[in-house]
Amino acid sequence: MANFARAFQQAGAHSVVVSLWPLVDHQGMEFMKVFYGHRQAGKTRREALRLTRREIKTKYPHPYYWGYSSCMARGERLHK
């Protein structure tokens, strides 16, 4: 995962949201829409990821739908 994110960062991306396993299309799309909605609202990457997970977890309690993502910025994970 880190090498994949690093490749995009070396190509100029400041941060990369990566998946730890294959996504379910609808829920994955919903996750990203919520995440980028928080980013457009001015939330930091870390805060947007935290809020998105919380929202998706409420709708889809199984971790498969909300626990797969990691946001990497400058080679570091933004969640704990």
N, C-alpha and C. Protein backbone atom coordinates (compact mmCIF):
# COMPACT_ATOMS: atom_id res chain seq x y z
N MET A 1 0.82 -1.18 0.00
CA MET A 1 0.00 0.00 0.00
C MET A 1 0.87 1.25 0.00
N ALA A 2 1.89 1.28 0.82
CA ALA A 2 2.74 2.47 0.90
C ALA A 2 3.46 2.72 -0.43
N ASN A 3 3.91 1.68 -1.09
CA ASN A 3 4.59 1.86 -2.38
C ASN A 3 3.65 2.40 -3.43
N PHE A 4 2.41 1.92 -3.42
CA PHE A 4 1.39 2.39 -4.36
C PHE A 4 1.14 3.89 -4.14
N ALA A 5 0.94 4.28 -2.90
CA ALA A 5 0.70 5.69 -2.58
C ALA A 5 1.93 6.54 -2.93
N ARG A 6 3.10 6.03 -2.62
CA ARG A 6 4.34 6.76 -2.90
C ARG A 6 4.50 7.02 -4.40
N ALA A 7 4.11 6.08 -5.23
CA ALA A 7 4.22 6.26 -6.69
C ALA A 7 3.36 7.45 -7.14
N PHE A 8 2.15 7.56 -6.61
CA PHE A 8 1.31 8.71 -6.96
C PHE A 8 1.88 10.01 -6.41
N GLN A 9 2.44 9.96 -5.22
CA GLN A 9 3.03 11.16 -4.64
C GLN A 9 4.24 11.61 -5.43
N GLN A 10 5.04 10.69 -5.90
CA GLN A 10 6.20 11.04 -6.72
C GLN A 10 5.77 11.63 -8.05
N ALA A 11 4.56 11.27 -8.48
CA ALA A 11 4.01 11.83 -9.72
C ALA A 11 3.36 13.19 -9.48
N GLY A 12 3.34 13.66 -8.22
CA GLY A 12 2.83 15.00 -7.93
C GLY A 12 1.64 15.08 -7.00
N ALA A 13 1.04 13.95 -6.63
CA ALA A 13 -0.11 13.99 -5.72
C ALA A 13 0.37 14.35 -4.31
N HIS A 14 -0.37 15.22 -3.64
CA HIS A 14 0.00 15.60 -2.27
C HIS A 14 -0.44 14.54 -1.26
N SER A 15 -1.55 13.88 -1.54
CA SER A 15 -2.03 12.80 -0.69
C SER A 15 -2.82 11.82 -1.54
N VAL A 16 -2.96 10.60 -1.02
CA VAL A 16 -3.64 9.53 -1.74
C VAL A 16 -4.50 8.76 -0.75
N VAL A 17 -5.76 8.53 -1.11
CA VAL A 17 -6.63 7.66 -0.33
C VAL A 17 -6.55 6.29 -0.99
N VAL A 18 -6.12 5.30 -0.22
CA VAL A 18 -5.95 3.95 -0.77
C VAL A 18 -6.86 2.97 -0.04
N SER A 19 -7.18 1.89 -0.72
CA SER A 19 -8.02 0.85 -0.17
C SER A 19 -7.16 -0.33 0.24
N LEU A 20 -7.50 -0.94 1.37
CA LEU A 20 -6.77 -2.10 1.84
C LEU A 20 -7.30 -3.40 1.25
N TRP A 21 -8.49 -3.37 0.65
CA TRP A 21 -9.08 -4.52 -0.02
C TRP A 21 -10.04 -4.04 -1.10
N PRO A 22 -10.50 -4.93 -1.98
CA PRO A 22 -11.41 -4.53 -3.06
C PRO A 22 -12.70 -3.91 -2.51
N LEU A 23 -13.18 -2.91 -3.17
CA LEU A 23 -14.36 -2.19 -2.71
C LEU A 23 -15.64 -2.73 -3.33
N VAL A 24 -16.72 -2.54 -2.60
CA VAL A 24 -18.05 -2.76 -3.16
C VAL A 24 -18.40 -1.45 -3.85
N ASP A 25 -18.79 -1.52 -5.12
CA ASP A 25 -18.95 -0.32 -5.94
C ASP A 25 -19.77 0.79 -5.30
N HIS A 26 -21.00 0.48 -4.92
CA HIS A 26 -21.88 1.52 -4.39
C HIS A 26 -21.35 2.14 -3.10
N GLN A 27 -20.96 1.30 -2.16
CA GLN A 27 -20.47 1.81 -0.88
C GLN A 27 -19.13 2.53 -1.03
N GLY A 28 -18.28 2.04 -1.91
CA GLY A 28 -17.00 2.72 -2.14
C GLY A 28 -17.20 4.10 -2.74
N MET A 29 -18.13 4.20 -3.68
CA MET A 29 -18.45 5.49 -4.29
C MET A 29 -19.05 6.43 -3.25
N GLU A 30 -19.93 5.90 -2.42
CA GLU A 30 -20.54 6.72 -1.38
C GLU A 30 -19.48 7.22 -0.40
N PHE A 31 -18.55 6.33 -0.02
CA PHE A 31 -17.46 6.71 0.89
C PHE A 31 -16.68 7.89 0.32
N MET A 32 -16.31 7.80 -0.95
CA MET A 32 -15.50 8.86 -1.55
C MET A 32 -16.29 10.16 -1.69
N LYS A 33 -17.56 10.09 -2.01
CA LYS A 33 -18.38 11.31 -2.09
C LYS A 33 -18.46 12.01 -0.75
N VAL A 34 -18.67 11.24 0.30
CA VAL A 34 -18.74 11.82 1.65
C VAL A 34 -17.38 12.42 2.02
N PHE A 35 -16.30 11.67 1.76
CA PHE A 35 -14.95 12.15 2.08
C PHE A 35 -14.66 13.48 1.38
N TYR A 36 -14.88 13.53 0.08
CA TYR A 36 -14.58 14.77 -0.65
C TYR A 36 -15.55 15.89 -0.32
N GLY A 37 -16.75 15.56 0.11
CA GLY A 37 -17.67 16.58 0.61
C GLY A 37 -17.11 17.26 1.85
N HIS A 38 -16.53 16.46 2.74
CA HIS A 38 -15.90 17.03 3.94
C HIS A 38 -14.68 17.87 3.57
N ARG A 39 -13.92 17.40 2.59
CA ARG A 39 -12.74 18.17 2.15
C ARG A 39 -13.16 19.50 1.56
N GLN A 40 -14.22 19.50 0.74
CA GLN A 40 -14.71 20.76 0.15
C GLN A 40 -15.25 21.69 1.21
N ALA A 41 -15.71 21.14 2.32
CA ALA A 41 -16.22 21.95 3.42
C ALA A 41 -15.09 22.52 4.28
N GLY A 42 -13.85 22.19 3.92
CA GLY A 42 -12.71 22.77 4.62
C GLY A 42 -12.09 21.89 5.69
N LYS A 43 -12.54 20.66 5.82
CA LYS A 43 -11.95 19.75 6.82
C LYS A 43 -10.58 19.29 6.35
N THR A 44 -9.71 19.02 7.31
CA THR A 44 -8.39 18.46 6.98
C THR A 44 -8.59 17.04 6.46
N ARG A 45 -7.58 16.49 5.82
CA ARG A 45 -7.68 15.12 5.33
C ARG A 45 -7.98 14.16 6.48
N ARG A 46 -7.28 14.33 7.58
CA ARG A 46 -7.47 13.46 8.75
C ARG A 46 -8.89 13.56 9.30
N GLU A 47 -9.38 14.78 9.45
CA GLU A 47 -10.73 14.99 9.98
C GLU A 47 -11.78 14.48 8.99
N ALA A 48 -11.58 14.72 7.71
CA ALA A 48 -12.53 14.25 6.70
C ALA A 48 -12.61 12.72 6.71
N LEU A 49 -11.47 12.05 6.85
CA LEU A 49 -11.46 10.59 6.89
C LEU A 49 -12.17 10.08 8.14
N ARG A 50 -11.92 10.72 9.27
CA ARG A 50 -12.56 10.32 10.52
C ARG A 50 -14.08 10.50 10.45
N LEU A 51 -14.51 11.65 9.96
CA LEU A 51 -15.95 11.92 9.85
C LEU A 51 -16.62 10.98 8.85
N THR A 52 -15.94 10.73 7.75
CA THR A 52 -16.50 9.83 6.73
C THR A 52 -16.68 8.44 7.29
N ARG A 53 -15.67 7.93 7.97
CA ARG A 53 -15.79 6.60 8.56
C ARG A 53 -16.96 6.53 9.54
N ARG A 54 -17.11 7.56 10.34
CA ARG A 54 -18.19 7.59 11.31
C ARG A 54 -19.55 7.56 10.60
N GLU A 55 -19.70 8.36 9.55
CA GLU A 55 -20.97 8.40 8.82
C GLU A 55 -21.28 7.08 8.13
N ILE A 56 -20.29 6.52 7.46
CA ILE A 56 -20.50 5.27 6.74
C ILE A 56 -20.74 4.13 7.73
N LYS A 57 -20.06 4.16 8.86
CA LYS A 57 -20.24 3.12 9.88
C LYS A 57 -21.66 3.13 10.42
N THR A 58 -22.27 4.30 10.54
CA THR A 58 -23.65 4.39 11.00
C THR A 58 -24.59 3.70 10.02
N LYS A 59 -24.33 3.90 8.73
CA LYS A 59 -25.19 3.32 7.70
C LYS A 59 -24.87 1.85 7.42
N TYR A 60 -23.59 1.52 7.43
CA TYR A 60 -23.12 0.15 7.16
C TYR A 60 -22.20 -0.27 8.31
N PRO A 61 -22.74 -0.90 9.36
CA PRO A 61 -21.95 -1.20 10.56
C PRO A 61 -20.76 -2.15 10.37
N HIS A 62 -20.82 -3.03 9.37
CA HIS A 62 -19.73 -3.99 9.20
C HIS A 62 -18.47 -3.26 8.73
N PRO A 63 -17.32 -3.52 9.36
CA PRO A 63 -16.06 -2.84 9.00
C PRO A 63 -15.64 -2.98 7.55
N TYR A 64 -16.16 -3.97 6.87
CA TYR A 64 -15.83 -4.14 5.45
C TYR A 64 -16.15 -2.88 4.65
N TYR A 65 -17.18 -2.14 5.06
CA TYR A 65 -17.64 -0.98 4.30
C TYR A 65 -16.98 0.33 4.71
N TRP A 66 -16.36 0.39 5.87
CA TRP A 66 -15.78 1.66 6.30
C TRP A 66 -14.34 1.54 6.78
N GLY A 67 -13.85 0.34 7.02
CA GLY A 67 -12.51 0.19 7.60
C GLY A 67 -11.40 -0.04 6.60
N TYR A 68 -11.70 0.04 5.32
CA TYR A 68 -10.72 -0.34 4.31
C TYR A 68 -9.78 0.77 3.87
N SER A 69 -10.08 1.99 4.20
CA SER A 69 -9.35 3.10 3.59
C SER A 69 -8.24 3.63 4.49
N SER A 70 -7.26 4.16 3.83
CA SER A 70 -6.17 4.83 4.51
C SER A 70 -5.78 6.02 3.64
N CYS A 71 -5.51 7.13 4.28
CA CYS A 71 -5.07 8.31 3.55
C CYS A 71 -3.60 8.52 3.83
N MET A 72 -2.81 8.56 2.78
CA MET A 72 -1.37 8.74 2.91
C MET A 72 -1.00 10.13 2.41
N ALA A 73 -0.24 10.84 3.21
CA ALA A 73 0.25 12.16 2.80
C ALA A 73 1.74 12.21 3.11
N ARG A 74 2.50 12.53 2.10
CA ARG A 74 3.96 12.59 2.24
C ARG A 74 4.52 11.31 2.87
N GLY A 75 3.91 10.16 2.49
CA GLY A 75 4.40 8.87 2.96
C GLY A 75 3.95 8.46 4.34
N GLU A 76 3.08 9.24 4.99
CA GLU A 76 2.62 8.91 6.32
C GLU A 76 1.12 8.65 6.31
N ARG A 77 0.69 7.68 7.10
CA ARG A 77 -0.74 7.43 7.27
C ARG A 77 -1.33 8.55 8.10
N LEU A 78 -2.53 8.97 7.74
CA LEU A 78 -3.19 10.06 8.46
C LEU A 78 -4.21 9.58 9.47
N HIS A 79 -4.29 8.31 9.73
CA HIS A 79 -5.21 7.82 10.76
C HIS A 79 -4.45 6.87 11.68
N LYS A 80 -5.04 6.67 12.84
CA LYS A 80 -4.41 5.79 13.82
C LYS A 80 -5.34 4.67 14.18
